[in-house]
Amino acid sequence: MARVIVDVMPKPEILDPQGKAVHGALPRLGFDGVTDVRQGKRFELEVDEADEATLAEVREIAETLLSNPVIEDYVVRVEDTGADDAGVDKAAAE
């Protein structure tokens, strides 16, 4: 089994009202060092194997279903699932 990640983000020239809302809230919550926020989506797909044919199919899925290519860009990558994550706080580790 392999995990393929598809990150979808608004294109740079597209306004991001959700990102702007988060950016506006940060100073009110005491977080002053952030200069910009862009909000996107992350999809995790479990596949039998992450060979070139499977990745090509995932790119087609990303293009036709997971993103709107007119206003969004996407990146497909394979996540390394071989490491033992026992006892690791993933939120703190990222």
Foldseek 3Di string as FASTA:
>chain_A
DWKKKKKKWWDPVDDAVVFVVVVVCCVVVPRDPDDTGTDTDMDIDDDPDDDPVVQVVVVVCCPPPVYPVVTMDMDMDIDDPPDDCPPPDVVVVD
